[in-house]
Every structure is written in structure tokens, then in C-alpha cells.
N, C-alpha and C. Protein backbone atom coordinates (compact mmCIF):
# COMPACT_ATOMS: atom_id res chain seq x y z
N MET A 1 119.28 141.65 96.27
CA MET A 1 120.16 140.69 96.90
C MET A 1 120.02 139.32 96.20
N ALA A 2 121.13 138.63 96.06
CA ALA A 2 121.10 137.34 95.38
C ALA A 2 120.23 136.34 96.11
N ASN A 3 120.11 136.47 97.43
CA ASN A 3 119.36 135.49 98.20
C ASN A 3 118.04 136.03 98.74
N GLY A 4 117.67 137.24 98.34
CA GLY A 4 116.43 137.83 98.81
C GLY A 4 116.49 138.40 100.21
N SER A 5 117.65 138.38 100.85
CA SER A 5 117.81 138.91 102.20
C SER A 5 117.96 140.42 102.16
N THR A 6 117.90 141.03 103.34
CA THR A 6 118.12 142.48 103.42
C THR A 6 119.59 142.81 103.59
N ARG A 7 120.43 141.80 103.78
CA ARG A 7 121.87 142.01 103.92
C ARG A 7 122.60 141.27 102.82
N PRO A 8 123.73 141.82 102.37
CA PRO A 8 124.49 141.10 101.34
C PRO A 8 125.04 139.79 101.88
N VAL A 9 125.11 138.81 101.02
CA VAL A 9 125.73 137.53 101.35
C VAL A 9 127.04 137.43 100.58
N ILE A 10 128.11 137.21 101.31
CA ILE A 10 129.43 137.11 100.70
C ILE A 10 129.78 135.64 100.55
N GLY A 11 130.17 135.26 99.36
CA GLY A 11 130.68 133.92 99.14
C GLY A 11 132.18 133.89 99.35
N VAL A 12 132.67 132.76 99.82
CA VAL A 12 134.12 132.54 99.94
C VAL A 12 134.45 131.30 99.12
N LEU A 13 135.25 131.48 98.09
CA LEU A 13 135.62 130.34 97.25
C LEU A 13 136.33 129.31 98.13
N ALA A 14 135.79 128.10 98.17
CA ALA A 14 136.24 127.10 99.15
C ALA A 14 136.79 125.86 98.47
N LEU A 15 137.60 126.07 97.45
CA LEU A 15 138.22 124.94 96.75
C LEU A 15 139.54 124.55 97.39
N GLN A 16 140.28 125.53 97.90
CA GLN A 16 141.57 125.29 98.53
C GLN A 16 141.98 126.59 99.21
N GLY A 17 142.83 126.49 100.22
CA GLY A 17 143.34 127.70 100.87
C GLY A 17 142.62 128.02 102.17
N ASP A 18 142.84 129.25 102.65
CA ASP A 18 142.36 129.62 103.99
C ASP A 18 140.99 130.29 103.96
N PHE A 19 140.04 129.60 103.34
CA PHE A 19 138.69 130.16 103.22
C PHE A 19 137.99 130.24 104.57
N ARG A 20 138.26 129.32 105.49
CA ARG A 20 137.56 129.35 106.78
C ARG A 20 137.91 130.61 107.58
N GLU A 21 139.14 131.06 107.47
CA GLU A 21 139.54 132.28 108.18
C GLU A 21 138.75 133.49 107.70
N HIS A 22 138.45 133.53 106.40
CA HIS A 22 137.61 134.62 105.89
C HIS A 22 136.19 134.51 106.43
N GLU A 23 135.68 133.31 106.55
CA GLU A 23 134.34 133.12 107.10
C GLU A 23 134.27 133.63 108.54
N VAL A 24 135.30 133.36 109.31
CA VAL A 24 135.35 133.84 110.70
C VAL A 24 135.39 135.36 110.72
N ALA A 25 136.18 135.96 109.83
CA ALA A 25 136.28 137.41 109.78
C ALA A 25 134.95 138.05 109.40
N LEU A 26 134.25 137.46 108.43
CA LEU A 26 132.95 137.99 108.03
C LEU A 26 131.93 137.85 109.15
N ALA A 27 131.97 136.73 109.85
CA ALA A 27 131.06 136.54 110.98
C ALA A 27 131.30 137.60 112.04
N ALA A 28 132.57 137.98 112.25
CA ALA A 28 132.89 139.03 113.21
C ALA A 28 132.33 140.37 112.77
N CYS A 29 132.13 140.52 111.46
CA CYS A 29 131.51 141.75 110.93
C CYS A 29 129.99 141.64 110.86
N ASP A 30 129.44 140.52 111.36
CA ASP A 30 128.00 140.26 111.34
C ASP A 30 127.47 140.23 109.91
N VAL A 31 128.25 139.58 109.02
CA VAL A 31 127.87 139.45 107.62
C VAL A 31 127.77 137.97 107.28
N PRO A 32 126.63 137.52 106.76
CA PRO A 32 126.51 136.11 106.40
C PRO A 32 127.41 135.74 105.23
N SER A 33 127.92 134.52 105.26
CA SER A 33 128.77 134.04 104.16
C SER A 33 128.41 132.60 103.85
N ILE A 34 128.75 132.18 102.64
CA ILE A 34 128.59 130.78 102.26
C ILE A 34 129.85 130.33 101.52
N GLU A 35 130.16 129.06 101.65
CA GLU A 35 131.28 128.49 100.91
C GLU A 35 130.82 128.22 99.47
N VAL A 36 131.67 128.58 98.52
CA VAL A 36 131.31 128.44 97.11
C VAL A 36 132.18 127.35 96.47
N ARG A 37 131.50 126.29 96.03
CA ARG A 37 132.16 125.21 95.29
C ARG A 37 131.39 124.83 94.03
N THR A 38 130.16 125.33 93.90
CA THR A 38 129.31 124.96 92.77
C THR A 38 128.76 126.21 92.10
N LEU A 39 128.26 126.03 90.90
CA LEU A 39 127.67 127.15 90.17
C LEU A 39 126.46 127.69 90.91
N ALA A 40 125.64 126.81 91.49
CA ALA A 40 124.46 127.28 92.23
C ALA A 40 124.87 128.15 93.41
N GLN A 41 125.93 127.77 94.10
CA GLN A 41 126.42 128.58 95.22
C GLN A 41 126.96 129.91 94.73
N LEU A 42 127.66 129.91 93.60
CA LEU A 42 128.17 131.15 93.04
C LEU A 42 127.01 132.09 92.68
N ASP A 43 125.96 131.53 92.14
CA ASP A 43 124.80 132.35 91.75
C ASP A 43 124.06 132.92 92.95
N ALA A 44 124.30 132.37 94.15
CA ALA A 44 123.56 132.79 95.34
C ALA A 44 124.22 133.91 96.12
N VAL A 45 125.37 134.40 95.65
CA VAL A 45 126.10 135.39 96.44
C VAL A 45 126.10 136.76 95.76
N ASP A 46 126.28 137.79 96.61
CA ASP A 46 126.35 139.17 96.13
C ASP A 46 127.78 139.65 95.92
N GLY A 47 128.72 138.94 96.49
CA GLY A 47 130.14 139.25 96.35
C GLY A 47 130.93 138.00 96.66
N LEU A 48 132.19 137.95 96.23
CA LEU A 48 132.99 136.74 96.40
C LEU A 48 134.40 137.10 96.87
N ILE A 49 134.90 136.33 97.84
CA ILE A 49 136.30 136.42 98.26
C ILE A 49 137.03 135.19 97.74
N ILE A 50 138.16 135.42 97.07
CA ILE A 50 139.03 134.33 96.64
C ILE A 50 140.22 134.35 97.60
N PRO A 51 140.36 133.32 98.43
CA PRO A 51 141.33 133.38 99.52
C PRO A 51 142.75 133.09 99.09
N GLY A 52 143.66 133.27 100.06
CA GLY A 52 145.02 132.82 99.85
C GLY A 52 145.08 131.31 99.83
N GLY A 53 146.14 130.79 99.26
CA GLY A 53 146.34 129.37 99.11
C GLY A 53 147.40 129.14 98.07
N GLU A 54 147.21 128.13 97.23
CA GLU A 54 148.16 127.85 96.15
C GLU A 54 147.48 128.21 94.84
N SER A 55 147.98 129.25 94.18
CA SER A 55 147.27 129.82 93.04
C SER A 55 147.12 128.84 91.89
N THR A 56 148.15 128.03 91.61
CA THR A 56 148.02 127.07 90.51
C THR A 56 146.97 126.02 90.84
N THR A 57 146.91 125.59 92.09
CA THR A 57 145.92 124.59 92.49
C THR A 57 144.51 125.17 92.38
N ILE A 58 144.31 126.39 92.85
CA ILE A 58 142.98 127.00 92.77
C ILE A 58 142.57 127.17 91.31
N ALA A 59 143.50 127.58 90.45
CA ALA A 59 143.19 127.73 89.02
C ALA A 59 142.76 126.40 88.42
N ARG A 60 143.47 125.33 88.74
CA ARG A 60 143.11 124.01 88.23
C ARG A 60 141.74 123.57 88.73
N LEU A 61 141.46 123.84 90.01
CA LEU A 61 140.18 123.43 90.58
C LEU A 61 139.02 124.26 90.01
N LEU A 62 139.25 125.52 89.74
CA LEU A 62 138.20 126.32 89.08
C LEU A 62 137.81 125.70 87.75
N LEU A 63 138.81 125.21 87.01
CA LEU A 63 138.53 124.54 85.75
C LEU A 63 137.85 123.20 85.98
N ALA A 64 138.35 122.43 86.95
CA ALA A 64 137.79 121.10 87.22
C ALA A 64 136.34 121.18 87.68
N PHE A 65 136.01 122.22 88.47
CA PHE A 65 134.65 122.39 88.98
C PHE A 65 133.77 123.19 88.01
N GLU A 66 134.33 123.50 86.85
CA GLU A 66 133.61 124.23 85.79
C GLU A 66 133.08 125.57 86.29
N LEU A 67 133.93 126.25 87.04
CA LEU A 67 133.57 127.56 87.59
C LEU A 67 134.32 128.71 86.93
N MET A 68 135.38 128.44 86.20
CA MET A 68 136.22 129.52 85.67
C MET A 68 135.43 130.45 84.75
N ASP A 69 134.82 129.91 83.72
CA ASP A 69 134.09 130.76 82.78
C ASP A 69 132.86 131.43 83.42
N PRO A 70 132.04 130.70 84.19
CA PRO A 70 130.91 131.38 84.85
C PRO A 70 131.36 132.49 85.80
N LEU A 71 132.49 132.30 86.48
CA LEU A 71 132.98 133.33 87.38
C LEU A 71 133.42 134.56 86.58
N ARG A 72 134.14 134.34 85.49
CA ARG A 72 134.52 135.48 84.63
C ARG A 72 133.28 136.25 84.18
N GLU A 73 132.26 135.51 83.76
CA GLU A 73 131.04 136.16 83.25
C GLU A 73 130.36 136.98 84.35
N ARG A 74 130.29 136.44 85.55
CA ARG A 74 129.64 137.18 86.65
C ARG A 74 130.46 138.42 87.03
N ILE A 75 131.77 138.30 87.00
CA ILE A 75 132.60 139.48 87.30
C ILE A 75 132.39 140.55 86.25
N ARG A 76 132.38 140.15 85.00
CA ARG A 76 132.16 141.13 83.92
C ARG A 76 130.77 141.74 83.98
N ALA A 77 129.84 141.02 84.59
CA ALA A 77 128.47 141.54 84.78
C ALA A 77 128.36 142.39 86.04
N GLY A 78 129.44 142.49 86.81
CA GLY A 78 129.43 143.40 87.95
C GLY A 78 129.61 142.78 89.32
N LEU A 79 129.88 141.48 89.42
CA LEU A 79 130.06 140.85 90.72
C LEU A 79 131.30 141.40 91.42
N PRO A 80 131.18 141.95 92.63
CA PRO A 80 132.36 142.38 93.38
C PRO A 80 133.17 141.17 93.84
N VAL A 81 134.49 141.25 93.66
CA VAL A 81 135.37 140.16 94.06
C VAL A 81 136.61 140.73 94.73
N TRP A 82 137.01 140.08 95.82
CA TRP A 82 138.23 140.44 96.53
C TRP A 82 139.15 139.23 96.52
N GLY A 83 140.35 139.41 96.00
CA GLY A 83 141.35 138.35 96.01
C GLY A 83 142.47 138.68 96.98
N THR A 84 142.75 137.75 97.91
CA THR A 84 143.84 137.94 98.86
C THR A 84 144.96 136.95 98.51
N CYS A 85 146.17 137.46 98.36
CA CYS A 85 147.35 136.65 98.06
C CYS A 85 147.12 135.83 96.78
N ALA A 86 146.88 134.53 96.88
CA ALA A 86 146.62 133.73 95.69
C ALA A 86 145.41 134.27 94.92
N GLY A 87 144.43 134.77 95.64
CA GLY A 87 143.26 135.35 94.97
C GLY A 87 143.61 136.56 94.13
N ALA A 88 144.54 137.38 94.62
CA ALA A 88 145.00 138.54 93.84
C ALA A 88 145.71 138.08 92.57
N ILE A 89 146.50 137.02 92.69
CA ILE A 89 147.17 136.46 91.51
C ILE A 89 146.15 136.06 90.46
N LEU A 90 145.10 135.38 90.89
CA LEU A 90 144.11 134.86 89.96
C LEU A 90 143.28 135.95 89.30
N LEU A 91 143.10 137.08 89.98
CA LEU A 91 142.35 138.18 89.37
C LEU A 91 143.13 138.88 88.26
N ALA A 92 144.45 138.81 88.31
CA ALA A 92 145.29 139.60 87.41
C ALA A 92 145.17 139.16 85.96
N LYS A 93 145.28 140.14 85.06
CA LYS A 93 145.29 139.83 83.63
C LYS A 93 146.62 139.23 83.20
N GLU A 94 147.69 139.56 83.93
CA GLU A 94 149.02 139.05 83.57
C GLU A 94 149.71 138.54 84.83
N VAL A 95 150.18 137.30 84.77
CA VAL A 95 150.83 136.66 85.92
C VAL A 95 152.07 135.93 85.45
N SER A 96 153.16 136.08 86.20
CA SER A 96 154.36 135.33 85.89
C SER A 96 154.27 133.92 86.46
N ASP A 97 154.68 132.93 85.67
CA ASP A 97 154.88 131.56 86.16
C ASP A 97 153.61 130.94 86.75
N LEU A 98 152.51 131.00 86.02
CA LEU A 98 151.28 130.31 86.41
C LEU A 98 150.95 129.33 85.30
N ASP A 99 150.78 128.04 85.64
CA ASP A 99 150.66 127.02 84.59
C ASP A 99 149.25 126.88 84.04
N ARG A 100 148.31 127.67 84.54
CA ARG A 100 146.96 127.75 83.98
C ARG A 100 146.61 129.21 83.81
N SER A 101 145.68 129.50 82.92
CA SER A 101 145.27 130.89 82.74
C SER A 101 144.58 131.37 84.02
N PRO A 102 144.86 132.61 84.45
CA PRO A 102 144.14 133.18 85.59
C PRO A 102 142.72 133.55 85.18
N ILE A 103 141.95 134.02 86.14
CA ILE A 103 140.62 134.55 85.80
C ILE A 103 140.79 135.74 84.86
N GLY A 104 141.80 136.58 85.13
CA GLY A 104 142.24 137.58 84.17
C GLY A 104 141.29 138.74 83.96
N VAL A 105 140.76 139.31 85.04
CA VAL A 105 139.76 140.36 84.91
C VAL A 105 140.22 141.72 85.45
N MET A 106 141.37 141.76 86.10
CA MET A 106 141.84 143.01 86.71
C MET A 106 143.10 143.46 86.01
N ASP A 107 143.18 144.74 85.68
CA ASP A 107 144.27 145.26 84.86
C ASP A 107 145.53 145.48 85.70
N ILE A 108 146.07 144.36 86.19
CA ILE A 108 147.31 144.40 86.96
C ILE A 108 148.22 143.28 86.46
N ARG A 109 149.53 143.50 86.65
CA ARG A 109 150.52 142.47 86.38
C ARG A 109 151.12 142.04 87.71
N VAL A 110 151.04 140.75 88.00
CA VAL A 110 151.43 140.23 89.30
C VAL A 110 152.59 139.25 89.16
N GLU A 111 153.52 139.35 90.09
CA GLU A 111 154.62 138.40 90.18
C GLU A 111 154.37 137.48 91.37
N ARG A 112 154.32 136.18 91.12
CA ARG A 112 154.12 135.21 92.19
C ARG A 112 155.38 135.07 93.04
N ASN A 113 155.19 134.73 94.32
CA ASN A 113 156.31 134.48 95.24
C ASN A 113 157.39 135.56 95.13
N ALA A 114 156.96 136.80 95.14
CA ALA A 114 157.87 137.92 94.87
C ALA A 114 158.89 138.15 95.97
N PHE A 115 158.62 137.63 97.16
CA PHE A 115 159.50 137.89 98.30
C PHE A 115 160.31 136.66 98.71
N GLY A 116 160.20 135.57 97.95
CA GLY A 116 160.96 134.38 98.27
C GLY A 116 160.10 133.26 98.80
N ARG A 117 160.74 132.36 99.54
CA ARG A 117 160.09 131.14 100.02
C ARG A 117 159.32 131.40 101.32
N GLN A 118 158.75 130.32 101.85
CA GLN A 118 157.95 130.42 103.08
C GLN A 118 158.74 131.06 104.23
N ILE A 119 160.02 130.73 104.32
CA ILE A 119 160.84 131.27 105.42
C ILE A 119 161.05 132.77 105.28
N ASP A 120 160.77 133.31 104.09
CA ASP A 120 160.93 134.75 103.87
C ASP A 120 159.64 135.52 104.12
N SER A 121 158.64 134.86 104.69
CA SER A 121 157.40 135.55 105.05
C SER A 121 157.69 136.64 106.07
N PHE A 122 156.88 137.70 106.06
CA PHE A 122 157.14 138.84 106.93
C PHE A 122 155.84 139.58 107.21
N GLU A 123 155.92 140.56 108.11
CA GLU A 123 154.77 141.39 108.45
C GLU A 123 155.18 142.86 108.32
N ALA A 124 154.20 143.71 108.03
CA ALA A 124 154.47 145.14 107.87
C ALA A 124 153.21 145.93 108.20
N ASP A 125 153.39 147.14 108.65
CA ASP A 125 152.27 148.05 108.89
C ASP A 125 152.10 148.94 107.67
N LEU A 126 150.88 148.99 107.14
CA LEU A 126 150.61 149.68 105.89
C LEU A 126 149.51 150.72 106.06
N LYS A 127 149.68 151.85 105.42
CA LYS A 127 148.59 152.81 105.27
C LYS A 127 147.81 152.41 104.03
N VAL A 128 146.55 152.07 104.21
CA VAL A 128 145.71 151.61 103.10
C VAL A 128 144.66 152.67 102.79
N ALA A 129 144.67 153.17 101.57
CA ALA A 129 143.69 154.17 101.16
C ALA A 129 142.29 153.61 101.29
N GLY A 130 141.40 154.40 101.88
CA GLY A 130 140.03 153.97 102.09
C GLY A 130 139.79 153.28 103.41
N VAL A 131 140.86 153.07 104.18
CA VAL A 131 140.74 152.45 105.49
C VAL A 131 141.16 153.46 106.54
N ASP A 132 140.21 153.93 107.33
CA ASP A 132 140.49 154.94 108.35
C ASP A 132 141.18 154.31 109.56
N GLY A 133 141.82 155.19 110.34
CA GLY A 133 142.44 154.73 111.58
C GLY A 133 143.91 154.42 111.40
N PRO A 134 144.47 153.66 112.34
CA PRO A 134 145.90 153.37 112.32
C PRO A 134 146.27 152.48 111.13
N PRO A 135 147.56 152.32 110.87
CA PRO A 135 147.99 151.44 109.77
C PRO A 135 147.45 150.02 109.93
N VAL A 136 147.30 149.36 108.82
CA VAL A 136 146.85 147.97 108.80
C VAL A 136 148.08 147.08 108.97
N HIS A 137 147.99 146.16 109.94
CA HIS A 137 149.09 145.21 110.13
C HIS A 137 148.91 144.07 109.12
N ALA A 138 149.85 143.95 108.19
CA ALA A 138 149.71 143.03 107.07
C ALA A 138 150.66 141.85 107.21
N VAL A 139 150.14 140.66 106.94
CA VAL A 139 150.91 139.43 107.00
C VAL A 139 151.16 138.95 105.57
N PHE A 140 152.41 138.79 105.20
CA PHE A 140 152.82 138.35 103.86
C PHE A 140 153.41 136.95 103.96
N ILE A 141 152.77 135.98 103.28
CA ILE A 141 153.23 134.59 103.30
C ILE A 141 153.39 134.11 101.85
N ARG A 142 154.62 133.88 101.44
CA ARG A 142 154.90 133.54 100.04
C ARG A 142 154.10 134.46 99.12
N ALA A 143 154.20 135.72 99.39
CA ALA A 143 153.27 136.69 98.81
C ALA A 143 153.66 137.12 97.40
N PRO A 144 152.66 137.50 96.62
CA PRO A 144 152.92 138.13 95.33
C PRO A 144 153.15 139.62 95.51
N VAL A 145 153.48 140.28 94.42
CA VAL A 145 153.52 141.74 94.40
C VAL A 145 152.90 142.19 93.09
N ILE A 146 152.26 143.34 93.12
CA ILE A 146 151.67 143.92 91.91
C ILE A 146 152.73 144.78 91.24
N ARG A 147 153.25 144.30 90.12
CA ARG A 147 154.34 145.00 89.44
C ARG A 147 153.86 146.21 88.66
N ASP A 148 152.70 146.09 88.06
CA ASP A 148 152.14 147.20 87.27
C ASP A 148 150.64 147.26 87.49
N ALA A 149 150.10 148.47 87.46
CA ALA A 149 148.66 148.69 87.56
C ALA A 149 148.22 149.57 86.41
N GLY A 150 147.16 149.16 85.73
CA GLY A 150 146.66 149.90 84.59
C GLY A 150 146.03 151.22 84.97
N PRO A 151 145.67 152.05 83.97
CA PRO A 151 145.15 153.40 84.25
C PRO A 151 143.84 153.42 85.02
N GLY A 152 143.06 152.34 84.97
CA GLY A 152 141.80 152.31 85.71
C GLY A 152 141.90 151.71 87.09
N VAL A 153 143.14 151.46 87.53
CA VAL A 153 143.36 150.80 88.82
C VAL A 153 143.86 151.82 89.84
N ASP A 154 143.25 151.82 91.01
CA ASP A 154 143.70 152.68 92.11
C ASP A 154 144.63 151.89 93.02
N VAL A 155 145.83 152.41 93.23
CA VAL A 155 146.77 151.79 94.16
C VAL A 155 146.35 152.18 95.58
N LEU A 156 146.14 151.18 96.43
CA LEU A 156 145.67 151.43 97.79
C LEU A 156 146.79 151.37 98.82
N ALA A 157 147.82 150.58 98.56
CA ALA A 157 148.90 150.45 99.55
C ALA A 157 150.18 150.01 98.87
N THR A 158 151.29 150.54 99.38
CA THR A 158 152.62 150.14 98.91
C THR A 158 153.52 149.87 100.11
N LEU A 159 154.54 149.08 99.88
CA LEU A 159 155.58 148.91 100.87
C LEU A 159 156.49 150.14 100.87
N ALA A 160 157.40 150.20 101.81
CA ALA A 160 158.30 151.35 101.92
C ALA A 160 159.14 151.53 100.66
N ASP A 161 159.41 150.43 99.94
CA ASP A 161 160.22 150.53 98.72
C ASP A 161 159.39 150.84 97.49
N GLY A 162 158.08 151.09 97.67
CA GLY A 162 157.22 151.48 96.57
C GLY A 162 156.49 150.35 95.87
N ARG A 163 156.77 149.11 96.23
CA ARG A 163 156.09 148.00 95.58
C ARG A 163 154.62 147.96 96.00
N ILE A 164 153.75 147.72 95.02
CA ILE A 164 152.30 147.77 95.24
C ILE A 164 151.82 146.46 95.86
N VAL A 165 151.06 146.57 96.95
CA VAL A 165 150.55 145.36 97.62
C VAL A 165 149.04 145.39 97.82
N ALA A 166 148.37 146.44 97.38
CA ALA A 166 146.90 146.47 97.43
C ALA A 166 146.42 147.42 96.35
N ALA A 167 145.34 147.01 95.67
CA ALA A 167 144.82 147.82 94.58
C ALA A 167 143.33 147.55 94.41
N ARG A 168 142.66 148.52 93.77
CA ARG A 168 141.24 148.37 93.50
C ARG A 168 140.94 148.85 92.09
N GLN A 169 140.09 148.11 91.41
CA GLN A 169 139.59 148.52 90.10
C GLN A 169 138.08 148.34 90.10
N GLY A 170 137.38 149.44 90.32
CA GLY A 170 135.92 149.36 90.40
C GLY A 170 135.49 148.47 91.56
N ARG A 171 134.83 147.38 91.24
CA ARG A 171 134.33 146.45 92.26
C ARG A 171 135.32 145.32 92.56
N LEU A 172 136.52 145.41 92.00
CA LEU A 172 137.53 144.38 92.23
C LEU A 172 138.60 144.90 93.18
N LEU A 173 138.93 144.08 94.18
CA LEU A 173 139.90 144.44 95.21
C LEU A 173 140.95 143.34 95.26
N ALA A 174 142.23 143.74 95.32
CA ALA A 174 143.32 142.77 95.39
C ALA A 174 144.29 143.18 96.48
N THR A 175 144.62 142.23 97.36
CA THR A 175 145.64 142.46 98.38
C THR A 175 146.64 141.32 98.33
N ALA A 176 147.93 141.67 98.38
CA ALA A 176 148.98 140.66 98.34
C ALA A 176 149.17 139.98 99.68
N PHE A 177 148.55 140.52 100.70
CA PHE A 177 148.71 140.01 102.07
C PHE A 177 147.41 139.35 102.54
N HIS A 178 147.40 138.93 103.82
CA HIS A 178 146.32 138.12 104.38
C HIS A 178 145.59 138.85 105.51
N PRO A 179 144.62 139.70 105.22
CA PRO A 179 143.88 140.38 106.29
C PRO A 179 143.09 139.43 107.18
N GLU A 180 142.77 138.26 106.67
CA GLU A 180 141.98 137.30 107.45
C GLU A 180 142.77 136.68 108.60
N LEU A 181 144.10 136.85 108.61
CA LEU A 181 144.93 136.24 109.64
C LEU A 181 145.18 137.15 110.83
N THR A 182 144.61 138.32 110.83
CA THR A 182 144.73 139.24 111.96
C THR A 182 143.34 139.53 112.51
N GLY A 183 143.28 140.21 113.63
CA GLY A 183 141.98 140.57 114.20
C GLY A 183 141.41 141.86 113.65
N ASP A 184 142.11 142.47 112.70
CA ASP A 184 141.67 143.73 112.10
C ASP A 184 140.69 143.42 110.97
N ARG A 185 139.45 143.84 111.13
CA ARG A 185 138.41 143.52 110.15
C ARG A 185 138.12 144.67 109.19
N ARG A 186 138.94 145.70 109.18
CA ARG A 186 138.60 146.88 108.38
C ARG A 186 138.59 146.61 106.88
N LEU A 187 139.47 145.75 106.38
CA LEU A 187 139.45 145.45 104.95
C LEU A 187 138.24 144.59 104.59
N HIS A 188 137.83 143.70 105.48
CA HIS A 188 136.58 142.97 105.23
C HIS A 188 135.40 143.94 105.21
N GLU A 189 135.41 144.91 106.11
CA GLU A 189 134.34 145.91 106.12
C GLU A 189 134.36 146.75 104.84
N LEU A 190 135.55 147.06 104.33
CA LEU A 190 135.66 147.78 103.07
C LEU A 190 135.03 146.98 101.94
N PHE A 191 135.33 145.68 101.89
CA PHE A 191 134.76 144.87 100.81
C PHE A 191 133.25 144.75 100.95
N VAL A 192 132.77 144.58 102.16
CA VAL A 192 131.32 144.53 102.36
C VAL A 192 130.67 145.82 101.87
N ALA A 193 131.32 146.95 102.12
CA ALA A 193 130.80 148.24 101.64
C ALA A 193 130.78 148.29 100.12
N ILE A 194 131.80 147.73 99.47
CA ILE A 194 131.83 147.67 98.00
C ILE A 194 130.65 146.85 97.49
N VAL A 195 130.39 145.72 98.15
CA VAL A 195 129.27 144.86 97.75
C VAL A 195 127.94 145.58 97.96
N ALA A 196 127.78 146.22 99.10
CA ALA A 196 126.52 146.93 99.39
C ALA A 196 126.28 148.05 98.39
N ASP A 197 127.35 148.75 98.03
CA ASP A 197 127.22 149.83 97.05
C ASP A 197 126.82 149.28 95.68
N ALA A 198 127.38 148.13 95.30
CA ALA A 198 127.01 147.50 94.04
C ALA A 198 125.53 147.13 94.01
N ILE A 199 125.05 146.61 95.13
CA ILE A 199 123.64 146.23 95.23
C ILE A 199 122.73 147.45 95.09
N ARG A 200 123.11 148.54 95.78
CA ARG A 200 122.31 149.78 95.68
C ARG A 200 122.31 150.31 94.26
N THR A 201 123.45 150.28 93.61
CA THR A 201 123.55 150.80 92.24
C THR A 201 122.68 150.00 91.29
N GLU A 202 122.69 148.69 91.43
CA GLU A 202 121.92 147.85 90.51
C GLU A 202 120.42 147.91 90.81
N ALA A 203 120.07 148.27 92.03
CA ALA A 203 118.66 148.38 92.39
C ALA A 203 118.06 149.72 91.99
N ALA A 204 118.92 150.69 91.73
CA ALA A 204 118.43 152.05 91.42
C ALA A 204 117.77 152.11 90.05
């Protein structure tokens, strides 16, 4: 464990966006979390959530806080990361209309604001692979869509028209929607399981 605890500690990138909602969701799962704004905080976590928000702003702040390159290095070294909405955009290797380079570690091509403006936000019930039980109620707010997924990427959920809205590549998870805005904690539990599995693998 990064902090010497018996439980994984999840970091939530807290530069901009709805990071507090993720902290509440993790607390509901009885999982400790810390806000990440510095390199020392990044080094103290076993997994990281990049929240929804404004993707260009988060990209600029990652550069301003000198976190972009260290974050790329930790991901390439095996750090589990989950990006929701803007976070999914930043994980992608290819993004349309982003004025700064993304983190660029996940083999997906993402289109920003794929569904239109804020007034075009919507909700949908999705069957998500790896999540047992009833469909996940998903909230889409100025959401992206995953246009293409590489051969090493597992598609976890699509809309009725086939557009990809959730995907996983190894320890990287991307969702175009906002699981932190509902009371359903199953996707947070899935990510915690990914982090725990990574810890077990590295300890073996």
C-alpha cells in the first residue's frame, strides 16, 4: 500500500471539477480517499480518480501544478486510474478539440461534447460489463463519447445506438458519464476492486 495501511487509499484529482462528489461516494464504500494537488499526494495513493469538470482547464492545471509528466509515469508503472467524463477525455490517446495534450495513456479516441451543450444533458440506464445487478443509471452532462477503442480495450457499456460510453484497458477505466452523481456505488466498488487487485499483483 502506498500509505502503509491495510486498505487501498484512492486519490481524487482535486484541481477542478466534481472531486468532492467522488470523495462522498468512496466514503460510502468505506474507502479512504485524499485530494491530490501535489506530487507528494500523488505518490501517497494506490489509485486515482480524475473527475468530471472542464477537460481543457484540468489539462492546463496538470501542467501548471507540474503533475502531467509524473502522472503519466505512474500510470505507465501500473497506477490504476479511473476517468469520469472530463477524466475519460484526459486519459485518451486521441481527443478532438483539446487545446492541450491529454495524459494520453489509454488506447481510445474520444470526442468532446459529443451530445451537444449543457441543455442537451440526459440520463440513461446502461448494462455495464463487470457490474452485477440491475442497469446502471447514468447521468450525461456535456458528455464525451468514445469513438474508437483499440484492440487491448474492453468495451463495458454502449448506448442503444452503439456509441461507447464506458471502457477498460487493464488498470485504466473510462466512463463518459458521472457515477458520482447518483447513489449507485457499484462503479466505485469496481474501481476499488481494480486497485486492490493491482496491489495484490505487485505484492506477489
